[in-house]
N, C-alpha and C. Protein backbone atom coordinates (compact mmCIF):
# COMPACT_ATOMS: atom_id res chain seq x y z
N MET A 1 -25.36 98.12 244.10
CA MET A 1 -24.94 97.54 242.86
C MET A 1 -25.34 96.03 242.80
N THR A 2 -25.79 95.37 241.68
CA THR A 2 -26.31 94.18 241.72
C THR A 2 -24.77 93.25 241.53
N THR A 3 -25.15 91.94 241.87
CA THR A 3 -24.04 90.98 241.75
C THR A 3 -23.52 90.89 240.19
N GLU A 4 -24.61 90.75 239.39
CA GLU A 4 -24.55 90.65 237.99
C GLU A 4 -23.67 91.94 237.42
N ARG A 5 -24.00 93.21 237.84
CA ARG A 5 -23.37 94.32 237.33
C ARG A 5 -21.92 94.27 237.84
N MET A 6 -21.72 93.93 239.11
CA MET A 6 -20.34 93.84 239.59
C MET A 6 -19.58 92.84 238.83
N ALA A 7 -20.08 91.69 238.53
CA ALA A 7 -19.38 90.64 237.85
C ALA A 7 -18.99 91.10 236.38
N THR A 8 -19.91 91.80 235.71
CA THR A 8 -19.63 92.33 234.40
C THR A 8 -18.66 93.39 234.42
N LEU A 9 -18.77 94.35 235.24
CA LEU A 9 -17.67 95.39 235.52
C LEU A 9 -16.36 94.72 235.69
N ALA A 10 -16.18 93.62 236.47
CA ALA A 10 -14.88 92.98 236.79
C ALA A 10 -14.48 92.29 235.57
N LYS A 11 -15.35 91.56 234.70
CA LYS A 11 -14.95 90.95 233.50
C LYS A 11 -14.57 91.93 232.46
N ALA A 12 -15.15 93.02 232.53
CA ALA A 12 -14.73 94.25 231.55
C ALA A 12 -13.36 94.65 231.89
N LYS A 13 -12.98 94.81 233.05
CA LYS A 13 -11.80 95.35 233.58
C LYS A 13 -10.62 94.42 233.25
N ALA A 14 -10.94 93.05 233.28
CA ALA A 14 -10.00 92.15 232.93
C ALA A 14 -9.80 92.08 231.31
N MET A 15 -10.88 92.28 230.61
CA MET A 15 -10.76 92.35 229.18
C MET A 15 -9.90 93.59 228.79
N ILE A 16 -10.07 94.69 229.43
CA ILE A 16 -9.34 95.75 229.20
C ILE A 16 -7.82 95.75 229.45
N ARG A 17 -7.44 94.84 230.41
CA ARG A 17 -6.01 94.77 230.85
C ARG A 17 -5.30 94.01 229.53
N THR A 18 -5.93 93.14 228.91
CA THR A 18 -5.43 92.44 227.78
C THR A 18 -5.68 93.05 226.45
N LEU A 19 -6.27 94.19 226.39
CA LEU A 19 -6.68 94.75 225.17
C LEU A 19 -5.72 94.95 224.15
N ASP A 20 -4.44 95.41 224.56
CA ASP A 20 -3.33 95.90 223.79
C ASP A 20 -2.82 94.53 223.01
N SER A 21 -2.84 93.43 223.68
CA SER A 21 -2.41 92.28 223.20
C SER A 21 -3.49 91.49 222.45
N ALA A 22 -4.69 91.83 222.38
CA ALA A 22 -5.83 91.08 221.65
C ALA A 22 -5.50 91.20 220.29
N PRO A 23 -5.90 89.92 219.60
CA PRO A 23 -5.75 89.87 218.03
C PRO A 23 -6.68 90.97 217.30
N ASP A 24 -7.93 91.07 217.96
CA ASP A 24 -8.71 92.08 217.30
C ASP A 24 -9.08 93.06 218.44
N PRO A 25 -8.46 94.11 218.68
CA PRO A 25 -8.70 95.12 219.85
C PRO A 25 -10.09 95.71 219.68
N HIS A 26 -10.53 95.94 218.42
CA HIS A 26 -11.82 96.50 218.24
C HIS A 26 -12.87 95.50 218.61
N GLY A 27 -12.72 94.32 218.33
CA GLY A 27 -13.65 93.29 218.57
C GLY A 27 -13.77 93.05 220.26
N ARG A 28 -12.59 93.19 220.80
CA ARG A 28 -12.62 93.15 222.25
C ARG A 28 -13.56 94.21 222.87
N ALA A 29 -13.24 95.44 222.34
CA ALA A 29 -13.89 96.62 222.78
C ALA A 29 -15.42 96.52 222.53
N ARG A 30 -15.73 95.97 221.41
CA ARG A 30 -17.25 95.71 221.16
C ARG A 30 -17.84 94.62 222.22
N ALA A 31 -17.09 93.71 222.49
CA ALA A 31 -17.50 92.55 223.47
C ALA A 31 -17.58 93.24 224.91
N ILE A 32 -16.85 94.18 225.15
CA ILE A 32 -17.06 94.89 226.46
C ILE A 32 -18.29 95.76 226.35
N TYR A 33 -18.65 96.33 225.34
CA TYR A 33 -19.83 97.15 225.09
C TYR A 33 -21.04 96.11 225.16
N ALA A 34 -20.94 95.03 224.46
CA ALA A 34 -22.08 94.01 224.42
C ALA A 34 -22.45 93.63 225.81
N ASP A 35 -21.31 93.31 226.59
CA ASP A 35 -21.61 92.81 227.85
C ASP A 35 -22.29 93.82 228.75
N LEU A 36 -21.86 95.01 228.69
CA LEU A 36 -22.46 96.15 229.55
C LEU A 36 -23.78 96.44 229.03
N GLY A 37 -24.20 96.19 227.78
CA GLY A 37 -25.54 96.44 227.21
C GLY A 37 -26.38 95.34 227.55
N ARG A 38 -25.98 94.13 228.07
CA ARG A 38 -26.95 93.17 228.42
C ARG A 38 -27.38 93.38 229.86
N ILE A 39 -26.77 94.15 230.58
CA ILE A 39 -27.11 94.42 232.10
C ILE A 39 -28.28 95.45 232.00
N SER A 40 -29.34 95.15 232.84
CA SER A 40 -30.44 96.05 233.04
C SER A 40 -30.11 96.80 234.44
N GLY A 41 -30.85 97.96 234.42
CA GLY A 41 -30.71 98.65 235.70
C GLY A 41 -29.73 99.88 235.68
N TRP A 42 -29.15 100.13 234.45
CA TRP A 42 -28.39 101.19 234.34
C TRP A 42 -29.14 102.54 234.62
N SER A 43 -28.64 103.62 235.15
CA SER A 43 -29.45 104.85 235.27
C SER A 43 -29.32 105.55 233.81
N LYS A 44 -30.35 106.51 233.59
CA LYS A 44 -30.33 107.16 232.30
C LYS A 44 -29.00 107.69 231.96
N PRO A 45 -28.27 108.44 232.81
CA PRO A 45 -26.88 108.99 232.35
C PRO A 45 -25.84 107.87 232.09
N GLU A 46 -25.95 106.72 232.80
CA GLU A 46 -25.26 105.51 232.48
C GLU A 46 -25.41 104.89 231.23
N GLU A 47 -26.82 104.95 230.81
CA GLU A 47 -27.14 104.37 229.57
C GLU A 47 -26.66 105.22 228.38
N ALA A 48 -26.64 106.51 228.70
CA ALA A 48 -26.38 107.41 227.75
C ALA A 48 -24.77 107.38 227.50
N ARG A 49 -24.03 107.15 228.50
CA ARG A 49 -22.50 107.09 228.42
C ARG A 49 -22.21 105.68 227.52
N ILE A 50 -22.89 104.65 227.99
CA ILE A 50 -22.74 103.30 227.10
C ILE A 50 -23.07 103.53 225.64
N MET A 51 -24.06 104.22 225.46
CA MET A 51 -24.51 104.54 223.88
C MET A 51 -23.39 105.35 223.29
N ALA A 52 -23.10 106.36 223.94
CA ALA A 52 -22.01 107.26 223.38
C ALA A 52 -20.73 106.47 223.13
N PHE A 53 -20.41 105.55 223.94
CA PHE A 53 -19.31 104.65 223.73
C PHE A 53 -19.46 103.80 222.44
N SER A 54 -20.56 103.20 222.21
CA SER A 54 -20.95 102.53 221.24
C SER A 54 -20.81 103.23 219.95
N GLN A 55 -21.28 104.41 219.82
CA GLN A 55 -21.31 105.29 218.70
C GLN A 55 -19.73 105.67 218.45
N TRP A 56 -19.02 105.95 219.45
CA TRP A 56 -17.61 106.26 219.30
C TRP A 56 -16.95 104.96 218.70
N LEU A 57 -17.19 103.80 219.15
CA LEU A 57 -16.52 102.50 218.64
C LEU A 57 -17.06 102.35 217.12
N ALA A 58 -18.14 102.74 216.78
CA ALA A 58 -18.59 102.68 215.38
C ALA A 58 -17.76 103.54 214.44
N THR A 59 -17.02 104.43 214.86
CA THR A 59 -16.16 105.38 214.23
C THR A 59 -14.83 104.64 213.88
N ARG A 60 -14.55 103.44 214.34
CA ARG A 60 -13.40 102.67 214.14
C ARG A 60 -12.22 103.65 214.73
N PRO A 61 -12.08 103.87 215.97
CA PRO A 61 -10.99 104.81 216.30
C PRO A 61 -9.65 104.11 216.17
N PRO A 62 -8.67 104.71 216.24
CA PRO A 62 -7.30 103.96 216.33
C PRO A 62 -7.14 102.91 217.52
N PRO A 63 -6.54 101.96 217.34
CA PRO A 63 -6.49 100.96 218.46
C PRO A 63 -5.79 101.45 219.72
N GLY A 64 -4.85 102.39 219.54
CA GLY A 64 -4.19 102.97 220.60
C GLY A 64 -5.22 103.81 221.62
N GLU A 65 -6.40 104.25 221.11
CA GLU A 65 -7.19 104.99 221.78
C GLU A 65 -8.27 104.14 222.60
N LEU A 66 -8.44 102.85 222.25
CA LEU A 66 -9.38 102.11 222.82
C LEU A 66 -9.30 101.68 224.31
N LYS A 67 -8.12 101.52 224.80
CA LYS A 67 -7.91 101.16 226.30
C LYS A 67 -8.29 102.43 227.03
N GLU A 68 -7.85 103.55 226.75
CA GLU A 68 -8.04 104.78 227.50
C GLU A 68 -9.55 104.95 227.47
N GLN A 69 -10.25 104.73 226.43
CA GLN A 69 -11.81 105.19 226.46
C GLN A 69 -12.55 104.02 227.14
N CYS A 70 -12.04 102.94 227.11
CA CYS A 70 -12.82 101.78 227.78
C CYS A 70 -12.69 102.07 229.33
N ARG A 71 -11.43 102.38 229.75
CA ARG A 71 -11.16 102.72 231.14
C ARG A 71 -12.03 103.88 231.53
N ALA A 72 -12.17 104.88 230.80
CA ALA A 72 -12.99 106.11 231.21
C ALA A 72 -14.34 105.74 231.39
N LEU A 73 -14.73 104.84 230.34
CA LEU A 73 -16.31 104.36 230.53
C LEU A 73 -16.50 103.62 231.80
N LEU A 74 -15.62 102.67 232.05
CA LEU A 74 -15.88 101.93 233.41
C LEU A 74 -15.71 102.69 234.65
N LYS A 75 -14.81 103.74 234.50
CA LYS A 75 -14.74 104.47 235.71
C LYS A 75 -16.07 105.43 235.99
N THR A 76 -16.83 105.72 234.91
CA THR A 76 -18.11 106.40 235.17
C THR A 76 -19.05 105.35 235.76
N LEU A 77 -18.94 104.13 235.35
CA LEU A 77 -19.93 103.14 235.69
C LEU A 77 -19.78 102.38 237.10
N ASP A 78 -18.55 102.45 237.53
CA ASP A 78 -18.10 101.77 238.69
C ASP A 78 -18.56 102.60 240.06
């Protein structure tokens, strides 16, 4: 795992911890997606998970579901 990938995952985990108190939880989740999308070197299955997360976010899910889905995504990438 590259240093850049490790740093991005650590940043995403920190952003998830404060997701519930964020003024714009959807914006925070989109920022997590954007950070993950900037990293190259994901495997095809990892890229597919990241894209599926993006598509799910586009449905504007309830804020209460964001934290759980963000954590699930990171668990598959870690």
